[in-house]
Amino acid sequence: MSTPEEAYSGKKLDLSHLRIFGANIYMHVMKDARKKLELTVEVGIFVGYTDTPHNYYAYFPNSDKTIVRRHIKFQEEKAMKCLLERELHLHADEELLVPKDDL
């Protein structure tokens, strides 16, 4: 069980940069880019990858912009929890749709 790249090159791929789509992200706002009482962190949503490794597309709803950022913190636990809850809910709905055999 390996990927085609691993079978061809014989090396294990580095997949540490892969993240969950839709996860909340936090980006530090530099001192010179903010005023005295403004927030030091901007909250966004992870929406994709760039061609350069470890650079990510982040959507920031407050400014309504999609920006490429490198140094961001991911909150993947919350995104994973939401995905699992949604999947469990979908399976429960599917069970309700299955017709019961009449006895």
N, C-alpha and C. Protein backbone atom coordinates (compact mmCIF):
# COMPACT_ATOMS: atom_id res chain seq x y z
N MET A 1 0.84 -1.18 0.00
CA MET A 1 0.00 0.00 0.00
C MET A 1 0.88 1.24 0.00
N SER A 2 1.03 1.85 -1.16
CA SER A 2 1.79 3.09 -1.25
C SER A 2 1.25 3.91 -2.41
N THR A 3 1.65 5.18 -2.43
CA THR A 3 1.25 6.04 -3.53
C THR A 3 2.13 5.76 -4.73
N PRO A 4 1.71 6.16 -5.94
CA PRO A 4 2.56 5.96 -7.11
C PRO A 4 3.92 6.63 -6.99
N GLU A 5 3.96 7.82 -6.38
CA GLU A 5 5.23 8.53 -6.20
C GLU A 5 6.17 7.74 -5.30
N GLU A 6 5.65 7.16 -4.22
CA GLU A 6 6.48 6.35 -3.32
C GLU A 6 6.99 5.11 -4.02
N ALA A 7 6.15 4.48 -4.84
CA ALA A 7 6.56 3.27 -5.57
C ALA A 7 7.64 3.60 -6.58
N TYR A 8 7.56 4.76 -7.22
CA TYR A 8 8.53 5.14 -8.24
C TYR A 8 9.86 5.57 -7.63
N SER A 9 9.80 6.47 -6.62
CA SER A 9 11.04 7.03 -6.08
C SER A 9 11.60 6.21 -4.91
N GLY A 10 10.75 5.45 -4.24
CA GLY A 10 11.20 4.68 -3.08
C GLY A 10 11.31 5.51 -1.82
N LYS A 11 10.89 6.80 -1.88
CA LYS A 11 10.95 7.68 -0.72
C LYS A 11 9.55 7.96 -0.19
N LYS A 12 9.43 8.08 1.11
CA LYS A 12 8.16 8.43 1.74
C LYS A 12 7.90 9.92 1.53
N LEU A 13 6.68 10.27 1.13
CA LEU A 13 6.33 11.66 0.89
C LEU A 13 6.11 12.41 2.19
N ASP A 14 6.44 13.71 2.20
CA ASP A 14 6.20 14.58 3.34
C ASP A 14 4.81 15.21 3.17
N LEU A 15 3.87 14.80 3.98
CA LEU A 15 2.51 15.31 3.90
C LEU A 15 2.15 16.16 5.11
N SER A 16 3.15 16.70 5.78
CA SER A 16 2.91 17.45 7.00
C SER A 16 2.23 18.79 6.75
N HIS A 17 2.27 19.29 5.52
CA HIS A 17 1.66 20.58 5.22
C HIS A 17 0.17 20.47 4.86
N LEU A 18 -0.38 19.26 4.75
CA LEU A 18 -1.79 19.10 4.41
C LEU A 18 -2.67 19.46 5.61
N ARG A 19 -3.72 20.22 5.35
CA ARG A 19 -4.61 20.70 6.40
C ARG A 19 -6.07 20.44 6.01
N ILE A 20 -6.98 20.61 6.94
CA ILE A 20 -8.41 20.39 6.72
C ILE A 20 -9.03 21.65 6.11
N PHE A 21 -9.69 21.48 4.96
CA PHE A 21 -10.36 22.61 4.32
C PHE A 21 -11.48 23.12 5.21
N GLY A 22 -11.60 24.44 5.31
CA GLY A 22 -12.65 25.04 6.11
C GLY A 22 -12.27 25.23 7.57
N ALA A 23 -11.06 24.84 7.95
CA ALA A 23 -10.63 25.00 9.34
C ALA A 23 -10.40 26.48 9.65
N ASN A 24 -10.69 26.87 10.88
CA ASN A 24 -10.40 28.24 11.31
C ASN A 24 -8.90 28.42 11.41
N ILE A 25 -8.44 29.61 11.02
CA ILE A 25 -7.02 29.93 11.12
C ILE A 25 -6.85 31.25 11.85
N TYR A 26 -5.68 31.43 12.41
CA TYR A 26 -5.36 32.65 13.11
C TYR A 26 -4.04 33.19 12.57
N MET A 27 -4.06 34.48 12.19
CA MET A 27 -2.88 35.12 11.64
C MET A 27 -2.50 36.30 12.54
N HIS A 28 -1.24 36.36 12.90
CA HIS A 28 -0.73 37.46 13.73
C HIS A 28 -0.66 38.73 12.88
N VAL A 29 -1.17 39.84 13.43
CA VAL A 29 -1.09 41.14 12.77
C VAL A 29 0.11 41.87 13.34
N MET A 30 1.03 42.24 12.47
CA MET A 30 2.28 42.88 12.91
C MET A 30 1.98 44.24 13.57
N LYS A 31 2.89 44.68 14.44
CA LYS A 31 2.70 45.93 15.19
C LYS A 31 2.54 47.14 14.28
N ASP A 32 3.33 47.19 13.21
CA ASP A 32 3.27 48.36 12.33
C ASP A 32 2.00 48.36 11.45
N ALA A 33 1.25 47.26 11.39
CA ALA A 33 0.04 47.18 10.58
C ALA A 33 -1.23 47.41 11.39
N ARG A 34 -1.10 47.69 12.68
CA ARG A 34 -2.28 47.90 13.52
C ARG A 34 -2.07 49.10 14.43
N LYS A 35 -3.19 49.61 14.93
CA LYS A 35 -3.14 50.74 15.85
C LYS A 35 -3.07 50.22 17.28
N LYS A 36 -3.00 51.12 18.23
CA LYS A 36 -2.73 50.77 19.61
C LYS A 36 -3.72 49.77 20.22
N LEU A 37 -5.02 49.96 20.02
CA LEU A 37 -6.01 49.12 20.67
C LEU A 37 -6.65 48.10 19.73
N GLU A 38 -6.10 47.89 18.55
CA GLU A 38 -6.65 46.91 17.63
C GLU A 38 -6.19 45.51 18.00
N LEU A 39 -6.91 44.53 17.52
CA LEU A 39 -6.58 43.13 17.80
C LEU A 39 -5.23 42.74 17.21
N THR A 40 -4.55 41.81 17.88
CA THR A 40 -3.25 41.35 17.41
C THR A 40 -3.37 40.11 16.53
N VAL A 41 -4.59 39.54 16.45
CA VAL A 41 -4.82 38.33 15.66
C VAL A 41 -6.01 38.55 14.75
N GLU A 42 -5.90 38.06 13.53
CA GLU A 42 -7.02 38.10 12.59
C GLU A 42 -7.49 36.67 12.35
N VAL A 43 -8.80 36.45 12.41
CA VAL A 43 -9.39 35.13 12.26
C VAL A 43 -9.86 34.96 10.83
N GLY A 44 -9.53 33.80 10.24
CA GLY A 44 -9.94 33.51 8.87
C GLY A 44 -10.32 32.05 8.69
N ILE A 45 -10.50 31.66 7.43
CA ILE A 45 -10.88 30.29 7.08
C ILE A 45 -9.90 29.78 6.04
N PHE A 46 -9.39 28.57 6.24
CA PHE A 46 -8.47 27.94 5.29
C PHE A 46 -9.27 27.50 4.06
N VAL A 47 -8.85 27.96 2.86
CA VAL A 47 -9.58 27.62 1.64
C VAL A 47 -8.74 26.92 0.57
N GLY A 48 -7.41 26.86 0.71
CA GLY A 48 -6.65 26.14 -0.30
C GLY A 48 -5.15 26.28 -0.17
N TYR A 49 -4.48 25.68 -1.16
CA TYR A 49 -3.02 25.64 -1.21
C TYR A 49 -2.51 26.46 -2.39
N THR A 50 -1.26 26.89 -2.30
CA THR A 50 -0.58 27.53 -3.42
C THR A 50 0.39 26.54 -4.03
N ASP A 51 1.07 26.94 -5.11
CA ASP A 51 2.06 26.07 -5.73
C ASP A 51 3.30 25.93 -4.85
N THR A 52 3.56 26.93 -4.03
CA THR A 52 4.70 26.89 -3.12
C THR A 52 4.32 26.14 -1.85
N PRO A 53 5.11 25.17 -1.42
CA PRO A 53 4.77 24.43 -0.19
C PRO A 53 4.71 25.34 1.03
N HIS A 54 3.82 25.03 1.94
CA HIS A 54 3.65 25.71 3.22
C HIS A 54 3.11 27.14 3.07
N ASN A 55 2.58 27.49 1.89
CA ASN A 55 1.83 28.72 1.71
C ASN A 55 0.38 28.33 1.51
N TYR A 56 -0.52 29.09 2.12
CA TYR A 56 -1.93 28.72 2.11
C TYR A 56 -2.78 29.90 1.70
N TYR A 57 -3.94 29.61 1.08
CA TYR A 57 -4.94 30.63 0.81
C TYR A 57 -5.85 30.70 2.03
N ALA A 58 -6.06 31.91 2.51
CA ALA A 58 -6.91 32.13 3.67
C ALA A 58 -7.94 33.19 3.33
N TYR A 59 -9.20 32.90 3.67
CA TYR A 59 -10.27 33.86 3.47
C TYR A 59 -10.55 34.55 4.80
N PHE A 60 -10.57 35.88 4.77
CA PHE A 60 -10.83 36.67 5.96
C PHE A 60 -12.18 37.37 5.79
N PRO A 61 -13.23 36.88 6.47
CA PRO A 61 -14.56 37.43 6.27
C PRO A 61 -14.71 38.89 6.68
N ASN A 62 -13.96 39.35 7.68
CA ASN A 62 -14.07 40.75 8.12
C ASN A 62 -13.67 41.72 7.02
N SER A 63 -12.63 41.38 6.26
CA SER A 63 -12.18 42.25 5.17
C SER A 63 -12.67 41.77 3.81
N ASP A 64 -13.34 40.59 3.78
CA ASP A 64 -13.88 40.00 2.55
C ASP A 64 -12.78 39.80 1.49
N LYS A 65 -11.61 39.30 1.93
CA LYS A 65 -10.48 39.08 1.03
C LYS A 65 -9.92 37.68 1.20
N THR A 66 -9.37 37.16 0.10
CA THR A 66 -8.62 35.91 0.13
C THR A 66 -7.15 36.26 -0.06
N ILE A 67 -6.32 35.84 0.88
CA ILE A 67 -4.91 36.25 0.90
C ILE A 67 -4.03 35.02 1.04
N VAL A 68 -2.83 35.07 0.46
CA VAL A 68 -1.84 34.00 0.62
C VAL A 68 -1.02 34.31 1.87
N ARG A 69 -0.97 33.35 2.78
CA ARG A 69 -0.22 33.51 4.01
C ARG A 69 0.61 32.26 4.29
N ARG A 70 1.72 32.44 4.99
CA ARG A 70 2.60 31.33 5.33
C ARG A 70 2.53 31.00 6.82
N HIS A 71 2.66 31.99 7.64
CA HIS A 71 2.73 31.77 9.09
C HIS A 71 1.35 31.97 9.70
N ILE A 72 0.59 30.88 9.77
CA ILE A 72 -0.74 30.91 10.35
C ILE A 72 -0.89 29.71 11.27
N LYS A 73 -1.78 29.84 12.22
CA LYS A 73 -2.08 28.74 13.15
C LYS A 73 -3.44 28.16 12.77
N PHE A 74 -3.52 26.85 12.75
CA PHE A 74 -4.75 26.15 12.37
C PHE A 74 -5.47 25.66 13.61
N GLN A 75 -6.80 25.70 13.57
CA GLN A 75 -7.62 25.12 14.63
C GLN A 75 -8.37 23.94 13.99
N GLU A 76 -7.64 22.86 13.75
CA GLU A 76 -8.20 21.72 13.03
C GLU A 76 -9.08 20.83 13.91
N GLU A 77 -8.86 20.84 15.21
CA GLU A 77 -9.65 19.98 16.09
C GLU A 77 -11.14 20.33 15.99
N LYS A 78 -11.45 21.63 15.99
CA LYS A 78 -12.84 22.06 15.90
C LYS A 78 -13.43 21.68 14.54
N ALA A 79 -12.66 21.84 13.47
CA ALA A 79 -13.14 21.48 12.13
C ALA A 79 -13.38 19.98 12.03
N MET A 80 -12.49 19.18 12.60
CA MET A 80 -12.66 17.73 12.57
C MET A 80 -13.88 17.31 13.37
N LYS A 81 -14.09 17.94 14.52
CA LYS A 81 -15.26 17.62 15.34
C LYS A 81 -16.55 17.94 14.58
N CYS A 82 -16.59 19.07 13.89
CA CYS A 82 -17.78 19.44 13.11
C CYS A 82 -18.01 18.45 11.97
N LEU A 83 -16.94 18.03 11.31
CA LEU A 83 -17.08 17.06 10.22
C LEU A 83 -17.62 15.73 10.72
N LEU A 84 -17.11 15.26 11.85
CA LEU A 84 -17.58 13.99 12.41
C LEU A 84 -19.03 14.08 12.85
N GLU A 85 -19.41 15.19 13.47
CA GLU A 85 -20.80 15.36 13.88
C GLU A 85 -21.74 15.39 12.66
N ARG A 86 -21.31 16.07 11.60
CA ARG A 86 -22.11 16.14 10.38
C ARG A 86 -22.26 14.76 9.75
N GLU A 87 -21.17 13.98 9.74
CA GLU A 87 -21.21 12.64 9.17
C GLU A 87 -22.14 11.74 9.98
N LEU A 88 -22.08 11.80 11.31
CA LEU A 88 -22.96 11.01 12.15
C LEU A 88 -24.42 11.40 11.93
N HIS A 89 -24.66 12.69 11.77
CA HIS A 89 -26.02 13.17 11.53
C HIS A 89 -26.53 12.67 10.19
N LEU A 90 -25.68 12.67 9.16
CA LEU A 90 -26.09 12.19 7.84
C LEU A 90 -26.41 10.70 7.87
N HIS A 91 -25.60 9.93 8.59
CA HIS A 91 -25.88 8.49 8.70
C HIS A 91 -27.19 8.23 9.43
N ALA A 92 -27.48 9.02 10.45
CA ALA A 92 -28.74 8.87 11.17
C ALA A 92 -29.92 9.19 10.26
N ASP A 93 -29.79 10.22 9.42
CA ASP A 93 -30.85 10.57 8.47
C ASP A 93 -31.04 9.48 7.43
N GLU A 94 -29.95 8.86 6.98
CA GLU A 94 -30.05 7.77 5.99
C GLU A 94 -30.80 6.58 6.58
N GLU A 95 -30.58 6.29 7.85
CA GLU A 95 -31.28 5.17 8.49
C GLU A 95 -32.78 5.44 8.56
N LEU A 96 -33.16 6.69 8.71
CA LEU A 96 -34.58 7.03 8.76
C LEU A 96 -35.24 6.86 7.39
N LEU A 97 -34.45 7.02 6.31
CA LEU A 97 -35.00 6.93 4.96
C LEU A 97 -35.11 5.50 4.45
N VAL A 98 -34.43 4.57 5.11
CA VAL A 98 -34.47 3.17 4.67
C VAL A 98 -35.83 2.58 5.04
N PRO A 99 -36.56 2.00 4.05
CA PRO A 99 -37.88 1.44 4.37
C PRO A 99 -37.76 0.22 5.25
N LYS A 100 -38.65 0.10 6.21
CA LYS A 100 -38.68 -1.04 7.11
C LYS A 100 -39.51 -2.16 6.47
N ASP A 101 -39.08 -3.41 6.67
CA ASP A 101 -39.83 -4.56 6.14
C ASP A 101 -41.09 -4.75 6.98
N ASP A 102 -42.22 -4.94 6.27
CA ASP A 102 -43.48 -5.19 6.99
C ASP A 102 -43.53 -6.65 7.42
N LEU A 103 -43.90 -6.91 8.64
CA LEU A 103 -43.99 -8.26 9.16
C LEU A 103 -45.39 -8.75 9.13
